[in-house]
C-alpha atoms as a PDB file:
ATOM      1  CA  MET A   1     -14.757  11.992 -34.878  1.00  0.00           C
ATOM      2  CA  GLU A   2     -16.971  10.402 -32.391  1.00  0.00           C
ATOM      3  CA  ASN A   3     -13.715   8.710 -30.404  1.00  0.00           C
ATOM      4  CA  SER A   4     -12.161  11.851 -30.759  1.00  0.00           C
ATOM      5  CA  LEU A   5     -14.544  13.679 -29.382  1.00  0.00           C
ATOM      6  CA  ARG A   6     -14.796  10.450 -26.582  1.00  0.00           C
ATOM      7  CA  SER A   7     -11.234  10.566 -25.711  1.00  0.00           C
ATOM      8  CA  CYS A   8     -11.407  14.255 -25.240  1.00  0.00           C
ATOM      9  CA  TYR A   9     -14.255  14.038 -22.636  1.00  0.00           C
ATOM     10  CA  MET A  10     -12.407  11.116 -20.718  1.00  0.00           C
ATOM     11  CA  VAL A  11      -9.209  13.586 -20.513  1.00  0.00           C
ATOM     12  CA  ALA A  12     -11.842  16.116 -19.506  1.00  0.00           C
ATOM     13  CA  PHE A  13     -12.913  13.780 -16.775  1.00  0.00           C
ATOM     14  CA  MET A  14      -9.209  12.126 -15.409  1.00  0.00           C
ATOM     15  CA  VAL A  15      -8.385  15.811 -14.984  1.00  0.00           C
ATOM     16  CA  LEU A  16     -11.576  16.795 -12.955  1.00  0.00           C
ATOM     17  CA  LEU A  17     -10.944  13.655 -10.497  1.00  0.00           C
ATOM     18  CA  LEU A  18      -7.654  14.381 -10.265  1.00  0.00           C
ATOM     19  CA  LEU A  19      -8.124  18.193  -9.328  1.00  0.00           C
ATOM     20  CA  ALA A  20     -10.906  16.531  -6.961  1.00  0.00           C
ATOM     21  CA  GLY A  21      -8.470  14.546  -5.009  1.00  0.00           C
ATOM     22  CA  HIS A  22     -10.256  11.141  -6.305  1.00  0.00           C
ATOM     23  CA  LEU A  23      -7.200   9.631  -8.532  1.00  0.00           C
ATOM     24  CA  GLN A  24      -3.842  10.353  -6.990  1.00  0.00           C
ATOM     25  CA  PRO A  25      -0.854   9.778  -9.034  1.00  0.00           C
ATOM     26  CA  THR A  26       2.470   9.843  -6.698  1.00  0.00           C
ATOM     27  CA  GLU A  27       3.157   7.708  -4.369  1.00  0.00           C
ATOM     28  CA  ALA A  28       3.563  10.402  -2.140  1.00  0.00           C
ATOM     29  CA  GLN A  29      -0.123  10.582  -2.434  1.00  0.00           C
ATOM     30  CA  SER A  30      -1.073   7.307  -3.025  1.00  0.00           C
ATOM     31  CA  GLY A  31      -2.086   6.235   0.043  1.00  0.00           C
ATOM     32  CA  CYS A  32       1.221   5.128   2.149  1.00  0.00           C
ATOM     33  CA  ASP A  33       0.246   5.086   5.493  1.00  0.00           C
ATOM     34  CA  SER A  34       2.691   3.111   7.988  1.00  0.00           C
ATOM     35  CA  VAL A  35       0.118   3.654  10.263  1.00  0.00           C
ATOM     36  CA  GLN A  36      -2.333   0.755   8.364  1.00  0.00           C
ATOM     37  CA  LEU A  37       0.754  -1.121   9.121  1.00  0.00           C
ATOM     38  CA  SER A  38       0.215  -1.336  12.898  1.00  0.00           C
ATOM     39  CA  TRP A  39      -2.526  -3.348  12.169  1.00  0.00           C
ATOM     40  CA  CYS A  40      -0.124  -6.494  11.860  1.00  0.00           C
ATOM     41  CA  LEU A  41       2.814  -5.608  14.771  1.00  0.00           C
ATOM     42  CA  GLN A  42       1.130  -8.304  17.102  1.00  0.00           C
ATOM     43  CA  SER A  43       1.458 -11.143  14.445  1.00  0.00           C
ATOM     44  CA  ILE A  44       4.509  -9.542  13.399  1.00  0.00           C
ATOM     45  CA  VAL A  45       5.847  -9.437  16.452  1.00  0.00           C
ATOM     46  CA  SER A  46       4.494 -13.196  17.811  1.00  0.00           C
ATOM     47  CA  ASN A  47       3.557 -16.323  16.132  1.00  0.00           C
ATOM     48  CA  THR A  48      -0.267 -15.262  16.220  1.00  0.00           C
ATOM     49  CA  PRO A  49      -1.882 -15.319  12.084  1.00  0.00           C
ATOM     50  CA  PRO A  50      -2.791 -12.214  10.987  1.00  0.00           C
ATOM     51  CA  SER A  51      -6.447 -11.158  10.950  1.00  0.00           C
ATOM     52  CA  GLN A  52      -8.565 -10.163   7.806  1.00  0.00           C
ATOM     53  CA  ASP A  53      -7.616  -5.969   8.488  1.00  0.00           C
ATOM     54  CA  CYS A  54      -4.474  -6.871   8.918  1.00  0.00           C
ATOM     55  CA  CYS A  55      -4.287  -8.028   5.340  1.00  0.00           C
ATOM     56  CA  ARG A  56      -6.538  -5.879   3.643  1.00  0.00           C
ATOM     57  CA  ARG A  57      -4.144  -3.148   5.010  1.00  0.00           C
ATOM     58  CA  LEU A  58      -1.036  -4.716   4.330  1.00  0.00           C
ATOM     59  CA  ARG A  59      -2.022  -5.442   0.473  1.00  0.00           C
ATOM     60  CA  GLY A  60      -3.060  -1.852   0.267  1.00  0.00           C
ATOM     61  CA  GLN A  61       0.080  -0.801   1.856  1.00  0.00           C
ATOM     62  CA  GLN A  62       2.140  -3.488  -0.706  1.00  0.00           C
ATOM     63  CA  ALA A  63       3.810  -0.571  -3.121  1.00  0.00           C
ATOM     64  CA  CYS A  64       5.191   1.483   0.086  1.00  0.00           C
ATOM     65  CA  LEU A  65       7.082  -1.309   1.679  1.00  0.00           C
ATOM     66  CA  CYS A  66      10.198  -0.397   0.653  1.00  0.00           C
ATOM     67  CA  ARG A  67       8.926   3.139   1.427  1.00  0.00           C
ATOM     68  CA  GLU A  68       8.015   1.755   5.486  1.00  0.00           C
ATOM     69  CA  ILE A  69      11.211  -0.472   5.472  1.00  0.00           C
ATOM     70  CA  ARG A  70      13.803   2.545   5.601  1.00  0.00           C
ATOM     71  CA  ASP A  71      10.678   4.308   8.054  1.00  0.00           C
ATOM     72  CA  PRO A  72      12.388   4.993  11.314  1.00  0.00           C
ATOM     73  CA  THR A  73       9.092   4.098  12.801  1.00  0.00           C
ATOM     74  CA  PHE A  74       8.036   0.893  11.621  1.00  0.00           C
ATOM     75  CA  GLY A  75      11.051  -0.295   9.482  1.00  0.00           C
ATOM     76  CA  GLY A  76      12.525  -2.476  12.584  1.00  0.00           C
ATOM     77  CA  TYR A  77       9.494  -4.125  12.585  1.00  0.00           C
ATOM     78  CA  LEU A  78       9.085  -4.662   8.976  1.00  0.00           C
ATOM     79  CA  ARG A  79      12.511  -6.151   8.851  1.00  0.00           C
ATOM     80  CA  HIS A  80      11.605  -8.772  11.612  1.00  0.00           C
ATOM     81  CA  PRO A  81      10.985 -12.192  10.567  1.00  0.00           C
ATOM     82  CA  GLY A  82       7.774 -12.100  11.390  1.00  0.00           C
ATOM     83  CA  ALA A  83       7.016  -9.319   8.978  1.00  0.00           C
ATOM     84  CA  ARG A  84       8.039 -12.146   6.059  1.00  0.00           C
ATOM     85  CA  ARG A  85       5.572 -14.957   7.743  1.00  0.00           C
ATOM     86  CA  VAL A  86       2.592 -12.675   7.779  1.00  0.00           C
ATOM     87  CA  ALA A  87       2.587 -11.426   4.462  1.00  0.00           C
ATOM     88  CA  THR A  88       3.242 -15.009   3.314  1.00  0.00           C
ATOM     89  CA  ALA A  89       0.097 -16.050   5.015  1.00  0.00           C
ATOM     90  CA  CYS A  90      -1.742 -12.405   3.432  1.00  0.00           C
ATOM     91  CA  GLY A  91      -0.681 -13.231  -0.131  1.00  0.00           C
ATOM     92  CA  VAL A  92       1.551 -10.708  -0.230  1.00  0.00           C
ATOM     93  CA  THR A  93       4.659 -10.788  -1.914  1.00  0.00           C
ATOM     94  CA  PHE A  94       7.199  -9.510   0.093  1.00  0.00           C
ATOM     95  CA  PRO A  95       9.582  -6.894  -2.032  1.00  0.00           C
ATOM     96  CA  ARG A  96      13.565  -6.642  -2.090  1.00  0.00           C
ATOM     97  CA  CYS A  97      14.353  -3.235  -1.317  1.00  0.00           C
ATOM     98  CA  ASN A  98      17.474  -1.825  -1.977  1.00  0.00           C
END
């Protein structure tokens, strides 16, 4: 009984978080923001190592990279050979996108 009540409270709490916008279940709402990748553009197009901000933001966008590769604004940069170099330097696995 106690576990059932605890589960009920947990579900209610998660619903409240969803409604408040703190927990976002879909990719469209998951924080995918191609502008975050702009912190890495200098390193992608030059031979400079990525900054800590670049790496942090790139890691935050890792789940979105396939979508961003198709983006008309940043896709060309992500197809640039320097993008894989920057991803490797940041410890980000560059995905294989269909």
